[in-house]
Amino acid sequence: MRVAVRARGAGCELSPPPFGAGSDFVRDGKSFQHSLRVLLMDRISLLTRSLSLAPSAAAAAATTVASGPLPSEKVCLIGSGNFGSVIGKIMAENVKLRPDVFDPEVKMWVFEEMINGERLTSIINEKHENVKYLPNIKLPKNLIAHPTLLNAVEGATLLVFVVPHQFVKGICDQIRGTLRSDARAISLIKGVDVSAKGLELISDVIKEHLRCDVSVLMGANIANEVAEEKFCEATVGYKVKENGLMWKQVFNTRYFRVTTIDDVAGVELCGALKNVVAIAAGLVDGLKYGDNTKAAIIRIGLSEMRKFSKQFHEGVKDETFFESCGVADVITTCFGGRNRKVAEAHVQTGKSFEQLEAELLNGQKLQGTLTAREIYMILAPKNLTGEYPLFTQVYRICYEGARAATIIDL
């Protein structure tokens, strides 16, 4: 006798046994009944196992259908300082909301340091907090710290640079030739580079080294306030519109509102030059010259920012200076940023900017003084210092020992 079992959907069907003249079951009725009972029990057991497996198979099939295409974008954050950690928080929260677009994990390259005998990367990954640069702010669990740069960038399609601008070339040299062909980058770095070529934007440095499209993000963003999810705005400057819109998806939240504009140079220069204006504002605060003087310094500074940007880079748009990266960032930095803070302390204590950077910034870098020097290196050979009196005076106070009070000798 044979009992055929045929799978149908989630269950099985028993076919009746064929009886023929040669069948053993015909010759012995008792043997037939016993054997049939055993065979049926065996087939019922098989049927039960088939039925128990079917739901799992169906669930697996359903999961495969529901998951759809794999996400195509993988985000890597290069830098983990104060603002870098804040941006990492934002990005890690956003990628979870769009699993159809983004890989759920954001890798963050961390320059390894020892904090009370523990590695900073271990602290971030175990306690989900950057205790040195962003204490008391919880970071998402899908923001993963990596001490090795090459491991962090592996497989990334979206690279986010948030490091002091003097380290950019070295970082790019390490990762050049290791990136995916479809990788794009964005710079949140507020500075410029001066070489034999003259003024060079950090975004252009990255583009030249990595051979990929580079956008920029700047804005009125005091890091701790963003970390506390207080409403603010930022500006993405792009050259490729599709990439600008992609970066907006990466950063935009209910409390960090992102706008886009086709002006990489204008957005980036605003982010760099406003730190020089903030040094001037801090000097005014330290001298206790009052709000009228500070307002005048801000206006003059914004005017020189616009003039410098348009003179040294073609295509900079006037409307960029009315975005968050422009006037809003100047105001915020002149009232609450680290450059203003250190400049005020310089007047009050008489200490050098270098010493105050070490004492007050907890390992962060002071960008305003360095940018002032780089601007002067561009202006002086062209005999243009007289056309930029505020920028020039900040340089002389920072590097030539001029008195802080001369900040108003314009």
Protein backbone atom coordinates (compact mmCIF):
# COMPACT_ATOMS: atom_id res chain seq x y z
CA MET A 1 0.00 0.00 0.00
CA ARG A 2 1.15 3.57 -0.66
CA VAL A 3 -0.25 6.76 0.79
CA ALA A 4 0.72 9.79 -1.24
CA VAL A 5 1.17 13.09 0.53
CA ARG A 6 0.98 16.21 -1.65
CA ALA A 7 1.61 19.68 -0.31
CA ARG A 8 -1.13 22.25 -0.93
CA GLY A 9 -0.64 25.75 0.35
CA ALA A 10 -0.01 25.62 4.08
CA GLY A 11 -1.32 22.00 4.48
CA CYS A 12 -1.16 18.54 2.93
CA GLU A 13 -3.60 16.14 1.24
CA LEU A 14 -3.74 12.37 1.82
CA SER A 15 -4.35 10.26 -1.30
CA PRO A 16 -6.15 6.90 -0.79
CA PRO A 17 -3.97 3.78 -1.05
CA PRO A 18 -4.19 1.84 -4.29
CA PHE A 19 -5.25 -1.78 -3.83
CA GLY A 20 -4.15 -4.32 -6.35
CA ALA A 21 -4.00 -8.06 -6.77
CA GLY A 22 -0.40 -8.16 -5.63
CA SER A 23 -0.90 -6.16 -2.46
CA ASP A 24 0.24 -7.74 0.83
CA PHE A 25 -2.70 -6.15 2.58
CA VAL A 26 -5.22 -8.20 0.62
CA ARG A 27 -3.82 -11.51 1.82
CA ASP A 28 -4.06 -10.81 5.55
CA GLY A 29 -6.86 -8.70 6.96
CA LYS A 30 -5.25 -8.26 10.41
CA SER A 31 -1.92 -7.42 8.89
CA PHE A 32 -3.70 -5.01 6.64
CA GLN A 33 -5.42 -3.19 9.54
CA HIS A 34 -2.27 -3.03 11.62
CA SER A 35 -0.10 -1.83 8.82
CA LEU A 36 -2.68 0.70 7.72
CA ARG A 37 -2.92 2.06 11.27
CA VAL A 38 0.88 2.41 11.49
CA LEU A 39 1.13 3.98 8.08
CA LEU A 40 -1.66 6.42 8.76
CA MET A 41 -0.11 7.46 12.08
CA ASP A 42 3.18 8.04 10.26
CA ARG A 43 1.50 10.15 7.60
CA ILE A 44 -0.48 12.11 10.19
CA SER A 45 2.80 12.89 11.98
CA LEU A 46 4.28 14.10 8.71
CA LEU A 47 1.18 16.17 8.04
CA THR A 48 1.40 17.76 11.51
CA ARG A 49 5.02 18.72 11.00
CA SER A 50 4.19 20.21 7.61
CA LEU A 51 1.38 22.27 9.09
CA SER A 52 3.57 23.54 11.94
CA LEU A 53 6.26 24.67 9.52
CA ALA A 54 3.89 26.39 7.12
CA PRO A 55 3.15 29.50 9.21
CA SER A 56 6.89 30.16 9.63
CA ALA A 57 7.43 29.82 5.91
CA ALA A 58 4.50 32.12 5.23
CA ALA A 59 5.81 34.67 7.74
CA ALA A 60 9.23 34.59 6.13
CA ALA A 61 7.70 35.14 2.72
CA ALA A 62 5.60 38.01 4.09
CA THR A 63 8.68 39.59 5.67
CA THR A 64 10.55 39.40 2.39
CA VAL A 65 7.73 41.11 0.54
CA ALA A 66 7.19 43.75 3.23
CA SER A 67 10.85 44.70 3.48
CA GLY A 68 11.02 45.81 -0.14
CA PRO A 69 14.29 47.07 -1.66
CA LEU A 70 17.31 47.47 0.58
CA PRO A 71 18.18 51.05 1.63
CA SER A 72 20.69 52.64 -0.72
CA GLU A 73 22.23 55.37 1.46
CA LYS A 74 24.73 54.83 4.26
CA VAL A 75 25.79 57.79 6.40
CA CYS A 76 29.23 58.32 7.95
CA LEU A 77 30.12 61.20 10.27
CA ILE A 78 33.77 62.27 10.22
CA GLY A 79 34.28 64.12 13.49
CA SER A 80 32.87 63.85 16.99
CA GLY A 81 33.39 67.15 18.75
CA ASN A 82 30.69 69.35 20.25
CA PHE A 83 28.76 70.16 17.08
CA GLY A 84 29.75 66.89 15.43
CA SER A 85 28.07 64.93 18.22
CA VAL A 86 24.95 67.09 17.92
CA ILE A 87 24.77 66.48 14.18
CA GLY A 88 25.32 62.78 14.78
CA LYS A 89 22.30 62.78 17.09
CA ILE A 90 20.14 64.42 14.44
CA MET A 91 21.25 62.12 11.63
CA ALA A 92 20.88 58.94 13.67
CA GLU A 93 17.33 59.94 14.60
CA ASN A 94 16.46 60.76 10.99
CA VAL A 95 17.78 57.59 9.34
CA LYS A 96 15.52 55.49 11.55
CA LEU A 97 12.50 57.35 10.16
CA ARG A 98 13.37 56.45 6.54
CA PRO A 99 14.40 52.78 6.45
CA ASP A 100 13.51 52.72 2.76
CA VAL A 101 16.26 55.25 2.04
CA PHE A 102 18.90 54.97 4.77
CA ASP A 103 20.85 52.22 6.45
CA PRO A 104 19.74 52.31 10.12
CA GLU A 105 23.28 52.72 11.47
CA VAL A 106 25.32 55.95 11.42
CA LYS A 107 29.05 55.42 11.87
CA MET A 108 30.95 58.22 13.62
CA TRP A 109 34.73 58.49 13.42
CA VAL A 110 36.11 59.47 16.81
CA PHE A 111 39.66 60.59 17.45
CA GLU A 112 40.41 58.20 20.27
CA GLU A 113 41.06 59.67 23.71
CA MET A 114 41.29 58.22 27.20
CA ILE A 115 38.74 59.59 29.67
CA ASN A 116 39.34 58.46 33.27
CA GLY A 117 40.99 55.30 32.04
CA GLU A 118 38.29 54.46 29.47
CA ARG A 119 38.35 54.84 25.71
CA LEU A 120 36.05 57.58 24.47
CA THR A 121 34.66 55.31 21.75
CA SER A 122 33.75 52.68 24.35
CA ILE A 123 32.01 55.26 26.51
CA ILE A 124 29.98 56.54 23.55
CA ASN A 125 28.94 53.05 22.44
CA GLU A 126 28.13 51.76 25.93
CA LYS A 127 26.69 54.85 27.65
CA HIS A 128 25.48 56.61 24.48
CA GLU A 129 26.97 59.92 25.57
CA ASN A 130 30.00 61.93 24.46
CA VAL A 131 31.06 62.77 28.00
CA LYS A 132 33.89 65.06 26.89
CA TYR A 133 32.40 67.15 24.11
CA LEU A 134 28.64 66.88 24.66
CA PRO A 135 28.01 65.83 28.27
CA ASN A 136 24.53 65.11 29.65
CA ILE A 137 23.00 64.60 26.20
CA LYS A 138 21.89 61.11 25.29
CA LEU A 139 22.88 59.92 21.82
CA PRO A 140 20.86 57.41 19.78
CA LYS A 141 21.96 53.79 20.06
CA ASN A 142 22.35 53.57 16.29
CA LEU A 143 25.12 56.20 16.34
CA ILE A 144 28.20 53.97 16.50
CA ALA A 145 31.64 55.35 17.38
CA HIS A 146 34.67 54.02 15.47
CA PRO A 147 38.29 54.85 16.37
CA THR A 148 39.58 53.82 12.92
CA LEU A 149 38.81 56.20 10.09
CA LEU A 150 38.90 53.59 7.32
CA ASN A 151 36.46 51.35 9.18
CA ALA A 152 34.10 54.26 9.70
CA VAL A 153 33.91 55.25 6.03
CA GLU A 154 33.68 51.72 4.66
CA GLY A 155 30.64 51.39 2.40
CA ALA A 156 29.43 54.95 3.06
CA THR A 157 27.58 56.88 0.38
CA LEU A 158 27.08 60.08 2.42
CA LEU A 159 30.13 61.56 4.17
CA VAL A 160 29.64 64.36 6.70
CA PHE A 161 32.77 66.36 7.61
CA VAL A 162 32.78 68.14 10.99
CA VAL A 163 36.44 68.58 11.95
CA PRO A 164 38.76 71.60 12.37
CA HIS A 165 39.64 72.75 8.89
CA GLN A 166 43.39 72.37 9.37
CA PHE A 167 42.93 68.57 9.54
CA VAL A 168 40.87 68.11 6.37
CA LYS A 169 43.70 67.39 3.93
CA GLY A 170 45.23 64.72 6.15
CA ILE A 171 41.87 62.99 6.58
CA CYS A 172 41.15 63.07 2.86
CA ASP A 173 44.58 61.63 2.09
CA GLN A 174 43.80 58.64 4.34
CA ILE A 175 40.48 57.77 2.73
CA ARG A 176 41.21 58.69 -0.87
CA GLY A 177 40.73 55.70 -3.17
CA THR A 178 38.71 53.72 -0.61
CA LEU A 179 35.28 55.26 -1.18
CA ARG A 180 32.34 54.06 -3.24
CA SER A 181 31.98 55.58 -6.69
CA ASP A 182 28.57 57.03 -5.73
CA ALA A 183 29.78 58.70 -2.54
CA ARG A 184 28.88 62.35 -1.89
CA ALA A 185 30.12 64.62 0.88
CA ILE A 186 29.01 67.65 2.84
CA SER A 187 31.18 70.02 4.85
CA LEU A 188 30.06 71.63 8.10
CA ILE A 189 33.55 73.08 8.55
CA LYS A 190 33.79 76.82 9.12
CA GLY A 191 37.08 77.95 7.66
CA VAL A 192 39.04 78.51 4.46
CA ASP A 193 42.35 77.24 3.15
CA VAL A 194 45.10 79.47 1.85
CA SER A 195 47.77 78.05 -0.42
CA ALA A 196 49.86 79.07 -3.40
CA LYS A 197 46.59 78.98 -5.35
CA GLY A 198 45.17 81.68 -3.10
CA LEU A 199 41.84 81.27 -1.30
CA GLU A 200 40.44 77.77 -1.45
CA LEU A 201 37.15 76.64 0.02
CA ILE A 202 37.21 73.57 2.27
CA SER A 203 34.51 72.02 0.08
CA ASP A 204 36.86 72.40 -2.89
CA VAL A 205 39.70 70.79 -0.93
CA ILE A 206 37.49 67.78 -0.20
CA LYS A 207 36.25 67.63 -3.79
CA GLU A 208 39.78 67.81 -5.19
CA HIS A 209 41.04 65.01 -2.95
CA LEU A 210 38.05 62.66 -3.08
CA ARG A 211 36.66 63.36 -6.57
CA CYS A 212 33.04 63.59 -5.42
CA ASP A 213 30.31 66.21 -5.23
CA VAL A 214 30.52 68.29 -2.05
CA SER A 215 27.76 70.41 -0.52
CA VAL A 216 27.96 72.55 2.64
CA LEU A 217 25.77 73.20 5.70
CA MET A 218 26.07 76.37 7.79
CA GLY A 219 23.73 78.26 10.07
CA ALA A 220 22.94 79.96 13.35
CA ASN A 221 23.53 76.86 15.40
CA ILE A 222 24.98 77.03 18.90
CA ALA A 223 25.63 73.34 19.49
CA ASN A 224 24.26 72.95 23.02
CA GLU A 225 21.00 74.67 22.10
CA VAL A 226 20.56 72.36 19.10
CA ALA A 227 21.29 69.38 21.35
CA GLU A 228 18.49 70.53 23.65
CA GLU A 229 16.21 70.61 20.58
CA LYS A 230 15.57 74.34 20.69
CA PHE A 231 14.26 75.55 17.34
CA CYS A 232 16.78 76.91 14.84
CA GLU A 233 17.57 76.95 11.12
CA ALA A 234 20.45 75.93 8.90
CA THR A 235 21.31 76.35 5.23
CA VAL A 236 22.52 73.70 2.77
CA GLY A 237 24.46 75.09 -0.17
CA TYR A 238 24.55 72.74 -3.14
CA LYS A 239 25.74 72.46 -6.73
CA VAL A 240 23.65 69.39 -7.61
CA LYS A 241 20.02 69.95 -6.63
CA GLU A 242 19.28 66.25 -6.05
CA ASN A 243 22.14 66.08 -3.58
CA GLY A 244 20.93 69.20 -1.80
CA LEU A 245 17.53 67.60 -1.33
CA MET A 246 19.12 64.38 -0.08
CA TRP A 247 21.10 66.31 2.53
CA LYS A 248 17.91 68.02 3.61
CA GLN A 249 16.45 64.57 4.34
CA VAL A 250 19.53 63.74 6.38
CA PHE A 251 19.37 66.85 8.59
CA ASN A 252 15.90 68.39 8.62
CA THR A 253 13.83 67.94 11.80
CA ARG A 254 11.00 69.75 13.55
CA TYR A 255 13.57 71.72 15.61
CA PHE A 256 16.44 71.91 13.07
CA ARG A 257 14.84 73.38 9.97
CA VAL A 258 16.95 73.16 6.82
CA THR A 259 16.64 75.31 3.71
CA THR A 260 18.63 74.84 0.50
CA ILE A 261 20.23 77.25 -1.94
CA ASP A 262 22.31 76.84 -5.09
CA ASP A 263 25.36 78.66 -3.69
CA VAL A 264 28.06 76.51 -2.12
CA ALA A 265 30.66 79.29 -2.06
CA GLY A 266 28.38 81.91 -0.53
CA VAL A 267 27.11 79.61 2.23
CA GLU A 268 30.60 78.36 3.04
CA LEU A 269 32.24 81.79 3.10
CA CYS A 270 29.55 83.08 5.44
CA GLY A 271 30.32 80.23 7.82
CA ALA A 272 34.04 80.99 7.82
CA LEU A 273 34.08 84.80 7.87
CA LYS A 274 31.50 85.29 10.61
CA ASN A 275 34.00 83.89 13.15
CA VAL A 276 36.28 86.88 12.51
CA VAL A 277 33.36 89.23 13.15
CA ALA A 278 32.65 87.32 16.38
CA ILE A 279 36.20 87.97 17.59
CA ALA A 280 35.57 91.69 17.09
CA ALA A 281 32.23 91.48 18.94
CA GLY A 282 33.88 89.69 21.86
CA LEU A 283 36.52 92.41 22.11
CA VAL A 284 33.75 95.01 22.26
CA ASP A 285 32.03 93.05 25.03
CA GLY A 286 35.26 92.79 27.00
CA LEU A 287 35.83 96.52 26.64
CA LYS A 288 32.22 97.16 27.75
CA TYR A 289 31.60 99.51 24.85
CA GLY A 290 27.89 98.74 24.81
CA ASP A 291 25.19 97.58 22.45
CA ASN A 292 25.42 100.44 19.95
CA THR A 293 29.09 99.75 19.31
CA LYS A 294 28.48 96.03 19.05
CA ALA A 295 25.69 96.58 16.55
CA ALA A 296 27.99 98.79 14.47
CA ILE A 297 30.72 96.14 14.52
CA ILE A 298 28.24 93.50 13.40
CA ARG A 299 26.99 95.66 10.53
CA ILE A 300 30.50 96.50 9.35
CA GLY A 301 31.50 92.87 9.66
CA LEU A 302 28.55 91.62 7.62
CA SER A 303 29.31 94.22 4.96
CA GLU A 304 32.94 93.07 4.72
CA MET A 305 31.80 89.44 4.58
CA ARG A 306 29.61 90.16 1.57
CA LYS A 307 32.26 92.26 -0.18
CA PHE A 308 35.02 89.69 0.38
CA SER A 309 32.85 86.78 -0.76
CA LYS A 310 31.80 88.45 -4.00
CA GLN A 311 35.28 89.79 -4.73
CA PHE A 312 37.08 86.47 -4.35
CA HIS A 313 34.46 84.02 -5.57
CA GLU A 314 32.25 84.41 -8.63
CA GLY A 315 28.59 83.57 -8.44
CA VAL A 316 27.99 84.33 -4.76
CA LYS A 317 24.37 85.41 -4.38
CA ASP A 318 23.17 88.39 -2.35
CA GLU A 319 20.20 86.41 -1.03
CA THR A 320 22.56 83.95 0.66
CA PHE A 321 23.40 86.60 3.25
CA PHE A 322 19.75 86.67 4.33
CA GLU A 323 19.68 82.92 4.95
CA SER A 324 20.47 81.33 8.30
CA CYS A 325 24.11 80.94 7.21
CA GLY A 326 24.35 84.72 6.77
CA VAL A 327 22.94 87.41 9.02
CA ALA A 328 21.41 84.92 11.48
CA ASP A 329 24.71 83.12 12.03
CA VAL A 330 26.56 86.41 12.48
CA ILE A 331 24.11 87.51 15.18
CA THR A 332 24.21 84.18 17.02
CA THR A 333 27.99 83.89 16.94
CA CYS A 334 28.49 87.48 18.08
CA PHE A 335 26.31 86.89 21.13
CA GLY A 336 26.88 83.28 22.11
CA GLY A 337 29.74 81.55 20.30
CA ARG A 338 33.16 80.38 21.46
CA ASN A 339 35.01 83.04 19.42
CA ARG A 340 33.15 85.83 21.18
CA LYS A 341 33.74 84.17 24.55
CA VAL A 342 37.51 83.85 24.12
CA ALA A 343 37.89 87.38 22.71
CA GLU A 344 36.05 88.82 25.71
CA ALA A 345 38.31 86.82 28.05
CA HIS A 346 41.38 88.13 26.18
CA VAL A 347 40.40 91.69 27.13
CA GLN A 348 39.50 90.79 30.70
CA THR A 349 42.58 88.68 31.50
CA GLY A 350 45.28 89.84 29.12
CA LYS A 351 46.05 86.22 28.27
CA SER A 352 46.86 85.16 24.74
CA PHE A 353 44.24 83.64 22.47
CA GLU A 354 46.24 80.42 22.33
CA GLN A 355 46.31 80.10 26.12
CA LEU A 356 42.62 80.88 26.45
CA GLU A 357 41.75 78.32 23.77
CA ALA A 358 43.43 75.65 25.89
CA GLU A 359 41.81 76.84 29.12
CA LEU A 360 38.25 77.54 27.99
CA LEU A 361 37.37 75.32 25.03
CA ASN A 362 37.84 71.80 26.40
CA GLY A 363 39.84 70.63 23.41
CA GLN A 364 37.82 72.51 20.77
CA LYS A 365 39.56 74.82 18.31
CA LEU A 366 39.23 78.57 17.99
CA GLN A 367 38.49 79.21 14.32
CA GLY A 368 38.17 83.01 14.26
CA THR A 369 41.81 83.86 14.88
CA LEU A 370 43.07 81.34 12.33
CA THR A 371 40.62 82.56 9.70
CA ALA A 372 41.64 86.19 10.40
CA ARG A 373 45.25 85.26 9.62
CA GLU A 374 44.27 83.44 6.44
CA ILE A 375 42.22 86.39 5.23
CA TYR A 376 45.13 88.74 5.92
CA MET A 377 47.43 86.46 3.90
CA ILE A 378 45.11 86.98 0.94
CA LEU A 379 44.55 90.71 1.38
CA ALA A 380 48.08 91.91 2.20
CA PRO A 381 49.84 90.78 -1.02
CA LYS A 382 47.10 92.47 -3.04
CA ASN A 383 47.30 95.72 -1.00
CA LEU A 384 43.64 95.33 -0.03
CA THR A 385 43.88 95.59 3.76
CA GLY A 386 42.58 99.15 3.67
CA GLU A 387 39.36 97.97 2.01
CA TYR A 388 38.68 95.57 4.88
CA PRO A 389 39.43 97.55 8.04
CA LEU A 390 37.58 95.29 10.48
CA PHE A 391 39.15 92.06 9.22
CA THR A 392 42.56 93.70 9.23
CA GLN A 393 42.23 95.10 12.74
CA VAL A 394 41.18 91.73 14.15
CA TYR A 395 44.31 90.21 12.63
CA ARG A 396 46.56 92.89 14.13
CA ILE A 397 45.06 92.45 17.59
CA CYS A 398 45.38 88.66 17.43
CA TYR A 399 48.86 88.42 15.88
CA GLU A 400 50.69 91.75 16.04
CA GLY A 401 49.97 92.77 19.61
CA ALA A 402 47.68 95.70 18.79
CA ARG A 403 45.56 96.86 21.73
CA ALA A 404 42.00 95.54 21.91
CA ALA A 405 40.70 99.13 22.04
CA THR A 406 41.85 99.67 18.45
CA ILE A 407 39.00 97.47 17.24
CA ILE A 408 36.98 100.66 16.68
CA ASP A 409 39.80 102.42 14.80
CA LEU A 410 38.20 101.75 11.47
